[in-house]
Protein backbone atom coordinates (compact mmCIF):
# COMPACT_ATOMS: atom_id res chain seq x y z
CA MET A 1 95.10 102.90 113.84
CA LYS A 2 95.89 99.21 114.12
CA LYS A 3 93.74 98.49 111.07
CA ALA A 4 95.57 101.17 109.03
CA ASN A 5 98.97 99.75 109.97
CA MET A 6 97.84 96.28 108.93
CA MET A 7 96.58 97.59 105.57
CA ILE A 8 99.88 99.39 104.92
CA SER A 9 101.83 96.27 105.82
CA THR A 10 99.68 94.10 103.55
CA LEU A 11 99.96 96.56 100.67
CA SER A 12 103.74 96.81 101.08
CA THR A 13 104.05 93.04 101.04
CA ALA A 14 101.88 92.76 97.92
CA ILE A 15 103.99 95.35 96.10
CA LEU A 16 107.23 93.64 97.10
CA LEU A 17 105.96 90.24 95.98
CA SER A 18 104.79 91.59 92.62
CA ILE A 19 108.18 93.17 91.99
CA THR A 20 110.20 90.11 92.95
CA SER A 21 107.93 87.62 91.19
CA GLY A 22 108.30 89.55 87.93
CA TYR A 23 112.06 89.42 88.27
CA SER A 24 112.21 85.72 89.01
CA SER A 25 109.84 84.81 86.20
CA ALA A 26 111.96 86.77 83.72
CA GLU A 27 115.12 85.07 84.95
CA GLY A 28 113.52 81.64 85.16
CA ILE A 29 112.18 81.53 81.60
CA CYS A 30 114.68 78.80 80.67
CA LYS A 31 114.90 77.05 84.03
CA GLY A 32 113.89 73.41 83.85
CA MET A 33 113.66 73.26 80.04
CA GLU A 34 114.64 70.03 78.34
CA LYS A 35 117.59 70.11 75.94
CA SER A 36 115.40 69.92 72.82
CA SER A 37 113.15 72.80 73.91
CA CYS A 38 116.13 74.87 75.00
CA ALA A 39 117.86 74.37 71.66
CA THR A 40 114.88 75.77 69.75
CA SER A 41 114.41 78.77 72.04
CA THR A 42 115.78 82.13 70.90
CA SER A 43 116.22 83.37 74.47
CA CYS A 44 118.00 80.35 75.96
CA ARG A 45 121.05 78.19 75.38
CA TRP A 46 122.04 74.71 76.56
CA VAL A 47 125.06 74.39 78.85
CA LYS A 48 126.76 70.99 78.62
CA GLY A 49 127.31 68.99 81.76
CA TYR A 50 130.77 69.13 83.29
CA GLU A 51 132.84 68.06 86.25
CA ARG A 52 134.00 70.67 88.74
CA SER A 53 137.56 70.77 90.05
CA ASP A 54 136.32 69.33 93.36
CA GLY A 55 135.03 66.25 91.50
CA ARG A 56 131.33 67.10 91.66
CA SER A 57 129.40 66.35 88.44
CA ILE A 58 127.13 69.09 87.10
CA SER A 59 124.36 68.00 84.73
CA GLY A 60 123.59 69.94 81.58
CA TYR A 61 121.01 72.72 81.93
CA CYS A 62 119.24 75.45 80.02
CA ARG A 63 120.35 79.03 80.66
CA LYS A 64 118.85 82.39 79.71
CA LEU A 65 120.93 84.32 77.20
CA PRO A 66 122.30 87.60 78.48
CA GLY A 67 120.27 90.58 77.33
CA LYS A 68 121.56 93.88 76.12
CA LYS A 69 121.56 96.61 78.71
CA PRO A 70 119.39 99.56 77.78
CA GLN A 71 121.39 102.47 76.42
CA SER A 72 121.38 105.46 78.73
CA THR A 73 119.63 108.58 77.49
CA ALA A 74 122.76 110.61 78.24
CA ASP A 75 124.70 108.67 75.60
CA ASN A 76 122.33 108.27 72.70
CA GLY A 77 124.93 108.93 70.02
CA THR A 78 124.14 112.62 69.58
CA ASN A 79 126.93 113.87 71.83
CA ARG A 80 129.77 112.25 69.90
CA LYS A 81 132.48 114.36 68.30
CA GLY A 82 133.59 113.81 64.72
């Protein structure tokens, strides 16, 4: 019984890690890119450095472009009137 519980726990942890690592790698595609690499990427854009209202300086960084949300199957254009 103890061995089965440990296997379930290990499997659950592995599944959770695989799900979250996929998410973070998709989001982190642009993270840490230099300005020149970011500028040539089609999925990233460079954000200029700026100073916050509290006086803290923020360095420029590369950011992932927002993606289009998948269209729901309920609204695929076939239910429109006119």
